[in-house]
Amino acid sequence: MAKTLKVMYTMVLFFSLFLVAKNVDAYVWCETVEDCFKSQYFIFDCINNQCINVGKNPKEPRYPGIPRDQ
């Protein structure tokens, strides 16, 4: 009986994670490129009034902490 209650309790907790998840508007709105945040590893551009990742920063090394060959 106690084992059944533990399994049911675990299932309720597990499935409640999916019920709580919701659609979140995670875009950063902008009017110019200066409104987008700066990143050490990625380049962001203002496209259709949203900050979009357009690629990696070529000035940074591939692996953080390892210097680039000169």
C-alpha atoms as a PDB file:
ATOM      1  CA  MET A   1       0.000   0.000   0.000  1.00  0.00           C
ATOM      2  CA  ALA A   2       2.744   2.463   0.950  1.00  0.00           C
ATOM      3  CA  LYS A   3       4.737   1.575  -2.170  1.00  0.00           C
ATOM      4  CA  THR A   4       1.693   2.262  -4.358  1.00  0.00           C
ATOM      5  CA  LEU A   5       1.217   5.677  -2.743  1.00  0.00           C
ATOM      6  CA  LYS A   6       4.875   6.540  -3.316  1.00  0.00           C
ATOM      7  CA  VAL A   7       4.617   5.598  -6.998  1.00  0.00           C
ATOM      8  CA  MET A   8       1.416   7.632  -7.422  1.00  0.00           C
ATOM      9  CA  TYR A   9       2.955  10.610  -5.611  1.00  0.00           C
ATOM     10  CA  THR A  10       6.050  10.427  -7.839  1.00  0.00           C
ATOM     11  CA  MET A  11       3.913  10.242 -10.990  1.00  0.00           C
ATOM     12  CA  VAL A  12       1.847  13.255  -9.928  1.00  0.00           C
ATOM     13  CA  LEU A  13       5.000  15.297  -9.277  1.00  0.00           C
ATOM     14  CA  PHE A  14       6.565  14.241 -12.563  1.00  0.00           C
ATOM     15  CA  PHE A  15       3.523  15.023 -14.709  1.00  0.00           C
ATOM     16  CA  SER A  16       2.902  18.323 -12.926  1.00  0.00           C
ATOM     17  CA  LEU A  17       6.161  19.597 -14.447  1.00  0.00           C
ATOM     18  CA  PHE A  18       4.535  19.453 -17.872  1.00  0.00           C
ATOM     19  CA  LEU A  19       1.378  21.181 -16.699  1.00  0.00           C
ATOM     20  CA  VAL A  20       3.312  24.120 -15.258  1.00  0.00           C
ATOM     21  CA  ALA A  21       5.373  24.717 -18.411  1.00  0.00           C
ATOM     22  CA  LYS A  22       3.964  27.536 -20.500  1.00  0.00           C
ATOM     23  CA  ASN A  23       4.830  29.537 -23.576  1.00  0.00           C
ATOM     24  CA  VAL A  24       7.159  32.375 -22.627  1.00  0.00           C
ATOM     25  CA  ASP A  25       8.029  35.211 -24.987  1.00  0.00           C
ATOM     26  CA  ALA A  26      11.806  35.038 -24.623  1.00  0.00           C
ATOM     27  CA  TYR A  27      12.713  37.389 -27.460  1.00  0.00           C
ATOM     28  CA  VAL A  28      14.556  40.594 -26.698  1.00  0.00           C
ATOM     29  CA  TRP A  29      12.832  43.424 -28.526  1.00  0.00           C
ATOM     30  CA  CYS A  30      14.978  46.122 -30.141  1.00  0.00           C
ATOM     31  CA  GLU A  31      14.883  49.088 -32.493  1.00  0.00           C
ATOM     32  CA  THR A  32      18.607  49.240 -33.308  1.00  0.00           C
ATOM     33  CA  VAL A  33      21.584  46.886 -32.970  1.00  0.00           C
ATOM     34  CA  GLU A  34      22.710  48.822 -29.888  1.00  0.00           C
ATOM     35  CA  ASP A  35      19.573  47.625 -28.051  1.00  0.00           C
ATOM     36  CA  CYS A  36      20.741  43.998 -28.338  1.00  0.00           C
ATOM     37  CA  PHE A  37      22.962  42.631 -25.593  1.00  0.00           C
ATOM     38  CA  LYS A  38      26.641  42.076 -26.165  1.00  0.00           C
ATOM     39  CA  SER A  39      28.131  38.602 -25.887  1.00  0.00           C
ATOM     40  CA  GLN A  40      31.710  37.416 -25.804  1.00  0.00           C
ATOM     41  CA  TYR A  41      30.986  34.364 -27.956  1.00  0.00           C
ATOM     42  CA  PHE A  42      27.981  35.267 -30.159  1.00  0.00           C
ATOM     43  CA  ILE A  43      26.937  38.097 -32.478  1.00  0.00           C
ATOM     44  CA  PHE A  44      23.389  39.440 -32.188  1.00  0.00           C
ATOM     45  CA  ASP A  45      21.614  41.591 -34.757  1.00  0.00           C
ATOM     46  CA  CYS A  46      18.294  43.455 -34.673  1.00  0.00           C
ATOM     47  CA  ILE A  47      16.084  41.733 -37.274  1.00  0.00           C
ATOM     48  CA  ASN A  48      12.345  42.492 -37.413  1.00  0.00           C
ATOM     49  CA  ASN A  49      12.638  44.305 -34.065  1.00  0.00           C
ATOM     50  CA  GLN A  50      14.006  41.178 -32.344  1.00  0.00           C
ATOM     51  CA  CYS A  51      17.555  40.395 -31.264  1.00  0.00           C
ATOM     52  CA  ILE A  52      18.604  37.327 -33.252  1.00  0.00           C
ATOM     53  CA  ASN A  53      21.817  35.301 -32.925  1.00  0.00           C
ATOM     54  CA  VAL A  54      23.510  35.562 -36.331  1.00  0.00           C
ATOM     55  CA  GLY A  55      26.675  33.587 -35.598  1.00  0.00           C
ATOM     56  CA  LYS A  56      29.741  33.060 -33.488  1.00  0.00           C
ATOM     57  CA  ASN A  57      32.249  35.788 -32.773  1.00  0.00           C
ATOM     58  CA  PRO A  58      35.301  35.016 -34.950  1.00  0.00           C
ATOM     59  CA  LYS A  59      37.579  37.066 -32.665  1.00  0.00           C
ATOM     60  CA  GLU A  60      37.206  34.614 -29.777  1.00  0.00           C
ATOM     61  CA  PRO A  61      38.969  31.243 -29.479  1.00  0.00           C
ATOM     62  CA  ARG A  62      36.994  28.102 -30.206  1.00  0.00           C
ATOM     63  CA  TYR A  63      37.447  26.779 -26.699  1.00  0.00           C
ATOM     64  CA  PRO A  64      37.366  29.214 -23.768  1.00  0.00           C
ATOM     65  CA  GLY A  65      40.602  29.305 -21.839  1.00  0.00           C
ATOM     66  CA  ILE A  66      42.762  28.015 -24.699  1.00  0.00           C
ATOM     67  CA  PRO A  67      44.671  30.821 -26.455  1.00  0.00           C
ATOM     68  CA  ARG A  68      44.403  31.099 -30.220  1.00  0.00           C
ATOM     69  CA  ASP A  69      47.542  30.438 -32.288  1.00  0.00           C
ATOM     70  CA  GLN A  70      49.148  33.685 -33.434  1.00  0.00           C
END
